[in-house]
Amino acid sequence: ARDCVETPGQGVEGLIDGKRARLGCASFVGVSGRGAGETELWFGFDDDLKIRFTFEDQPRADAASTIAALRRLGLGVEILSGDLAGPVARIARAVGLDGAWQAGLTPFDKAAVIDRLKAEGRKVLMVGDGLNDAAALARAHASMAPGAAVDAAQNAADLVFTGQELGVVTQSIIVARTARRRALENFGFSAVYNLVAAPAAMFGLINPF
């Protein structure tokens, strides 16, 4: 294909043998009236036959346990997806997030959700691996992407983790919280030490060094 142009959240188009072709969502390819029951991708030439590809996404093996662990840490969890409502609802039910999801979001929609949560005073951690996640990853207070994510997502993320298991997300939060507590303890100890040691040194009760 030549002269390829990508429309974020919609698809890509270009010339094949002089004919304009599109690959993306139904509306982008020029198909209307589709249902919301399956994840789908469309390909077709302008004013010609359209071909529909359907996919069935499966959650990662540890997705449900990771979400449960995040909730035990007192965190809210929500799915932001560009997929159709039907597949997103099914995945959400499978991982214990029934009702806590949004579907059909463009990259700009995802970024807007992050901005809204931040405006409410939330500290947002975004985890994503797709090209459409890059803007939201960049907007979040902290962000993570797997090593298998597209380059744009990895570049936008603060932390890139290896492997496919999501449990590392929970582990990272626990490590970060522990490190913060240790830092605050050190600051507190330093403050108390200085309050005691500095006056004692001034009065010659201890060696200044």
Protein backbone atom coordinates (compact mmCIF):
# COMPACT_ATOMS: atom_id res chain seq x y z
CA ALA A 1 0.00 0.00 0.00
CA ARG A 2 1.09 3.58 -0.69
CA ASP A 3 0.28 6.96 0.85
CA CYS A 4 -0.87 5.36 4.11
CA VAL A 5 -2.58 7.66 6.61
CA GLU A 6 -3.66 6.65 10.10
CA THR A 7 -6.72 8.12 11.81
CA PRO A 8 -6.25 7.56 15.57
CA GLY A 9 -8.92 5.32 17.02
CA GLN A 10 -10.48 4.68 13.61
CA GLY A 11 -8.10 2.90 11.26
CA VAL A 12 -5.61 3.29 8.43
CA GLU A 13 -6.10 3.98 4.74
CA GLY A 14 -3.90 3.94 1.66
CA LEU A 15 -3.70 3.16 -2.03
CA ILE A 16 -3.50 -0.42 -3.31
CA ASP A 17 -3.05 -0.65 -7.09
CA GLY A 18 -4.41 2.87 -7.35
CA LYS A 19 -7.58 2.12 -5.38
CA ARG A 20 -8.21 3.60 -1.93
CA ALA A 21 -8.50 0.94 0.76
CA ARG A 22 -9.35 1.24 4.43
CA LEU A 23 -8.76 -1.01 7.43
CA GLY A 24 -10.42 -0.19 10.74
CA CYS A 25 -13.76 0.15 12.49
CA ALA A 26 -17.06 -0.24 10.65
CA SER A 27 -17.87 3.46 10.35
CA PHE A 28 -14.36 4.23 9.10
CA VAL A 29 -14.67 1.68 6.30
CA GLY A 30 -18.18 2.85 5.45
CA VAL A 31 -20.34 0.17 7.05
CA SER A 32 -23.28 1.09 9.27
CA GLY A 33 -25.77 -0.68 11.47
CA ARG A 34 -23.38 -3.16 13.04
CA GLY A 35 -24.13 -4.71 16.42
CA ALA A 36 -22.03 -4.52 19.55
CA GLY A 37 -21.68 -8.21 20.23
CA GLU A 38 -18.21 -8.93 18.86
CA THR A 39 -14.81 -7.32 18.50
CA GLU A 40 -14.46 -6.67 14.79
CA LEU A 41 -12.18 -5.18 12.17
CA TRP A 42 -13.22 -4.19 8.65
CA PHE A 43 -11.34 -3.98 5.37
CA GLY A 44 -12.59 -2.72 2.05
CA PHE A 45 -12.06 -0.56 -0.99
CA ASP A 46 -14.14 2.56 -1.57
CA ASP A 47 -17.46 1.68 -3.21
CA ASP A 48 -16.61 -2.01 -3.17
CA LEU A 49 -17.00 -5.21 -1.14
CA LYS A 50 -16.29 -4.93 2.61
CA ILE A 51 -14.72 -7.79 4.55
CA ARG A 52 -15.40 -8.29 8.26
CA PHE A 53 -12.96 -9.94 10.68
CA THR A 54 -14.17 -10.92 14.15
CA PHE A 55 -12.11 -11.64 17.25
CA GLU A 56 -12.80 -13.06 20.68
CA ASP A 57 -10.57 -11.56 23.35
CA GLN A 58 -9.65 -13.55 26.43
CA PRO A 59 -8.52 -11.92 29.69
CA ARG A 60 -5.04 -12.67 30.94
CA ALA A 61 -4.91 -15.63 33.28
CA ASP A 62 -4.20 -13.53 36.37
CA ALA A 63 -6.40 -10.55 35.48
CA ALA A 64 -9.17 -11.37 37.98
CA SER A 65 -6.77 -12.10 40.85
CA THR A 66 -4.79 -8.92 40.12
CA ILE A 67 -7.93 -6.78 40.15
CA ALA A 68 -9.03 -8.37 43.42
CA ALA A 69 -5.59 -7.67 44.92
CA LEU A 70 -5.72 -4.03 43.77
CA ARG A 71 -9.11 -3.62 45.42
CA ARG A 72 -7.74 -5.08 48.66
CA LEU A 73 -5.14 -2.32 48.52
CA GLY A 74 -8.00 0.18 48.49
CA LEU A 75 -7.74 1.10 44.82
CA GLY A 76 -10.55 1.57 42.33
CA VAL A 77 -10.18 -0.24 39.00
CA GLU A 78 -11.88 0.53 35.69
CA ILE A 79 -11.56 -0.70 32.10
CA LEU A 80 -11.17 1.92 29.35
CA SER A 81 -11.50 0.27 25.95
CA GLY A 82 -11.90 1.22 22.33
CA ASP A 83 -13.68 -2.08 21.63
CA LEU A 84 -17.42 -2.58 21.25
CA ALA A 85 -19.64 -2.64 24.34
CA GLY A 86 -20.55 -6.34 24.11
CA PRO A 87 -17.03 -7.79 24.28
CA VAL A 88 -15.93 -5.26 26.90
CA ALA A 89 -18.90 -6.11 29.14
CA ARG A 90 -18.12 -9.82 28.83
CA ILE A 91 -14.46 -9.34 29.77
CA ALA A 92 -15.42 -7.02 32.63
CA ARG A 93 -17.76 -9.66 34.10
CA ALA A 94 -15.06 -12.33 33.77
CA VAL A 95 -12.52 -10.29 35.77
CA GLY A 96 -14.91 -8.98 38.42
CA LEU A 97 -15.46 -5.47 37.05
CA ASP A 98 -19.10 -5.71 36.08
CA GLY A 99 -20.27 -2.11 35.66
CA ALA A 100 -16.80 -0.60 35.99
CA TRP A 101 -15.97 -0.21 32.31
CA GLN A 102 -16.28 2.11 29.33
CA ALA A 103 -16.30 0.99 25.70
CA GLY A 104 -15.95 2.59 22.29
CA LEU A 105 -13.41 5.14 23.48
CA THR A 106 -11.02 6.93 21.14
CA PRO A 107 -7.49 7.78 22.32
CA PHE A 108 -8.75 11.30 23.06
CA ASP A 109 -11.67 9.90 25.08
CA LYS A 110 -9.29 7.84 27.22
CA ALA A 111 -7.07 10.86 27.85
CA ALA A 112 -10.17 12.90 28.77
CA VAL A 113 -11.19 10.28 31.36
CA ILE A 114 -7.72 10.52 32.92
CA ASP A 115 -7.96 14.32 32.99
CA ARG A 116 -11.39 14.15 34.64
CA LEU A 117 -10.18 11.79 37.35
CA LYS A 118 -7.17 14.01 38.01
CA ALA A 119 -9.45 17.05 38.26
CA GLU A 120 -11.38 15.15 40.96
CA GLY A 121 -8.16 14.82 42.93
CA ARG A 122 -7.45 11.21 42.01
CA LYS A 123 -3.94 9.84 41.51
CA VAL A 124 -4.31 7.73 38.39
CA LEU A 125 -2.24 4.69 37.41
CA MET A 126 -2.83 3.74 33.76
CA VAL A 127 -1.85 0.32 32.44
CA GLY A 128 -2.02 -0.18 28.67
CA ASP A 129 -0.27 -1.79 25.74
CA GLY A 130 -1.90 -0.39 22.59
CA LEU A 131 -1.27 2.56 20.33
CA ASN A 132 -4.62 4.00 21.43
CA ASP A 133 -3.42 3.95 25.07
CA ALA A 134 -0.38 6.19 24.54
CA ALA A 135 -2.11 9.52 25.22
CA ALA A 136 -3.76 8.23 28.41
CA LEU A 137 -0.48 6.69 29.58
CA ALA A 138 1.23 10.05 29.15
CA ARG A 139 -1.53 11.93 31.03
CA ALA A 140 -1.69 9.65 34.08
CA HIS A 141 0.21 10.36 37.30
CA ALA A 142 1.95 7.00 36.80
CA SER A 143 1.74 4.52 33.96
CA MET A 144 2.85 1.00 33.09
CA ALA A 145 3.12 -1.02 29.89
CA PRO A 146 4.24 -4.59 29.22
CA GLY A 147 7.37 -5.27 27.22
CA ALA A 148 5.19 -6.65 24.41
CA ALA A 149 3.35 -3.32 24.05
CA VAL A 150 3.71 -1.19 20.95
CA ASP A 151 6.63 1.26 20.98
CA ALA A 152 4.37 4.29 21.44
CA ALA A 153 2.86 2.80 24.61
CA GLN A 154 6.26 1.84 26.01
CA ASN A 155 7.67 5.31 25.33
CA ALA A 156 4.70 6.97 27.05
CA ALA A 157 4.81 4.70 30.11
CA ASP A 158 6.82 5.44 33.26
CA LEU A 159 7.55 1.75 33.83
CA VAL A 160 7.82 -1.11 31.33
CA PHE A 161 7.55 -4.62 32.80
CA THR A 162 8.63 -7.90 31.27
CA GLY A 163 6.45 -10.95 30.89
CA GLN A 164 2.69 -11.24 30.46
CA GLU A 165 1.56 -11.53 34.09
CA LEU A 166 -0.37 -8.59 35.54
CA GLY A 167 0.58 -9.42 39.12
CA VAL A 168 3.62 -7.18 38.67
CA VAL A 169 1.25 -4.20 38.76
CA THR A 170 0.22 -5.05 42.32
CA GLN A 171 3.82 -5.81 43.30
CA SER A 172 4.97 -2.44 41.94
CA ILE A 173 2.36 -0.58 44.00
CA ILE A 174 3.33 -2.48 47.17
CA VAL A 175 7.03 -1.75 46.59
CA ALA A 176 6.28 1.93 45.92
CA ARG A 177 4.19 2.24 49.08
CA THR A 178 6.87 0.49 51.15
CA ALA A 179 9.59 2.76 49.73
CA ARG A 180 7.49 5.83 50.52
CA ARG A 181 6.98 4.70 54.12
CA ARG A 182 10.71 4.08 54.52
CA ALA A 183 11.51 7.51 53.10
CA LEU A 184 9.07 9.21 55.48
CA GLU A 185 10.48 7.21 58.41
CA ASN A 186 13.99 8.36 57.47
CA PHE A 187 12.86 11.97 57.26
CA GLY A 188 11.18 11.65 60.66
CA PHE A 189 14.24 10.06 62.22
CA SER A 190 16.48 12.75 60.75
CA ALA A 191 14.25 15.51 62.10
CA VAL A 192 14.19 14.03 65.63
CA TYR A 193 17.93 13.38 65.53
CA ASN A 194 18.67 16.97 64.50
CA LEU A 195 16.33 18.36 67.16
CA VAL A 196 18.20 16.40 69.85
CA ALA A 197 21.75 16.30 68.55
CA ALA A 198 22.13 19.90 67.37
CA PRO A 199 21.32 21.52 70.75
CA ALA A 200 23.39 18.88 72.56
CA ALA A 201 26.38 19.65 70.34
CA MET A 202 25.91 23.40 70.85
CA PHE A 203 26.07 22.94 74.63
CA GLY A 204 29.14 20.75 74.38
CA LEU A 205 27.34 17.64 75.61
CA ILE A 206 28.41 15.59 72.60
CA ASN A 207 31.08 15.77 69.95
CA PRO A 208 29.71 17.81 66.99
CA PHE A 209 30.95 15.20 64.59
